[in-house]
Amino acid sequence: MKELIDYILQFGNLNKQQIDLVLSKVSELKLRKDEYFSEAGRIPKQVGFVVNGVFRIDAC
């Protein structure tokens, strides 16, 4: 999750306790090709941060 913390730190400073809090709330999710992060008609319960690869968004 170093990539996420590095991204957040671009916008301001966090102390060690704040970084630990962020890290305690995140988890890594790996999606394979043709898997969905979110589906139409469903209320999202999470947000994503792409570390490697590409997200495709179909806007219908």
Protein backbone atom coordinates (compact mmCIF):
# COMPACT_ATOMS: atom_id res chain seq x y z
CA MET A 1 0.00 0.00 0.00
CA LYS A 2 3.03 2.26 -0.25
CA GLU A 3 1.66 3.62 -3.53
CA LEU A 4 -1.56 4.78 -1.86
CA ILE A 5 0.25 6.48 1.02
CA ASP A 6 2.67 8.16 -1.40
CA TYR A 7 -0.30 9.44 -3.42
CA ILE A 8 -2.08 10.82 -0.34
CA LEU A 9 1.11 12.51 0.89
CA GLN A 10 1.24 14.58 -2.31
CA PHE A 11 -1.66 16.64 -0.92
CA GLY A 12 -0.44 17.15 2.66
CA ASN A 13 1.40 15.63 5.57
CA LEU A 14 0.28 12.75 7.76
CA ASN A 15 1.89 11.61 10.97
CA LYS A 16 2.67 7.95 11.71
CA GLN A 17 -0.58 7.46 13.64
CA GLN A 18 -2.66 8.81 10.74
CA ILE A 19 -0.81 6.63 8.22
CA ASP A 20 -1.40 3.58 10.44
CA LEU A 21 -5.12 4.43 10.61
CA VAL A 22 -5.37 4.65 6.81
CA LEU A 23 -3.50 1.36 6.41
CA SER A 24 -5.79 -0.36 8.93
CA LYS A 25 -8.82 0.54 6.78
CA VAL A 26 -7.54 -0.57 3.37
CA SER A 27 -7.16 -3.97 1.77
CA GLU A 28 -5.73 -5.12 -1.52
CA LEU A 29 -8.08 -6.56 -4.13
CA LYS A 30 -6.79 -8.16 -7.29
CA LEU A 31 -9.19 -8.38 -10.21
CA ARG A 32 -8.68 -10.58 -13.23
CA LYS A 33 -9.63 -9.68 -16.75
CA ASP A 34 -13.43 -9.54 -17.16
CA GLU A 35 -14.06 -9.30 -13.38
CA TYR A 36 -16.11 -6.37 -12.11
CA PHE A 37 -15.20 -3.97 -9.33
CA SER A 38 -18.71 -2.54 -9.27
CA GLU A 39 -21.92 -3.42 -11.08
CA ALA A 40 -24.66 -1.24 -12.54
CA GLY A 41 -27.68 -0.83 -10.30
CA ARG A 42 -25.81 -1.69 -7.12
CA ILE A 43 -24.79 0.84 -4.51
CA PRO A 44 -20.98 0.88 -4.20
CA LYS A 45 -19.64 0.11 -0.74
CA GLN A 46 -15.99 0.70 -1.53
CA VAL A 47 -13.64 2.94 -3.47
CA GLY A 48 -10.69 1.84 -5.54
CA PHE A 49 -7.12 2.91 -6.13
CA VAL A 50 -5.47 1.37 -9.18
CA VAL A 51 -1.85 0.42 -8.49
CA ASN A 52 -1.11 -1.58 -11.62
CA GLY A 53 -3.10 -1.98 -14.80
CA VAL A 54 -6.07 -0.21 -16.30
CA PHE A 55 -9.70 0.23 -15.31
CA ARG A 56 -12.28 0.27 -18.08
CA ILE A 57 -15.49 2.17 -17.42
CA ASP A 58 -18.52 1.51 -19.60
CA ALA A 59 -20.85 4.50 -19.44
CA CYS A 60 -24.19 3.44 -20.86
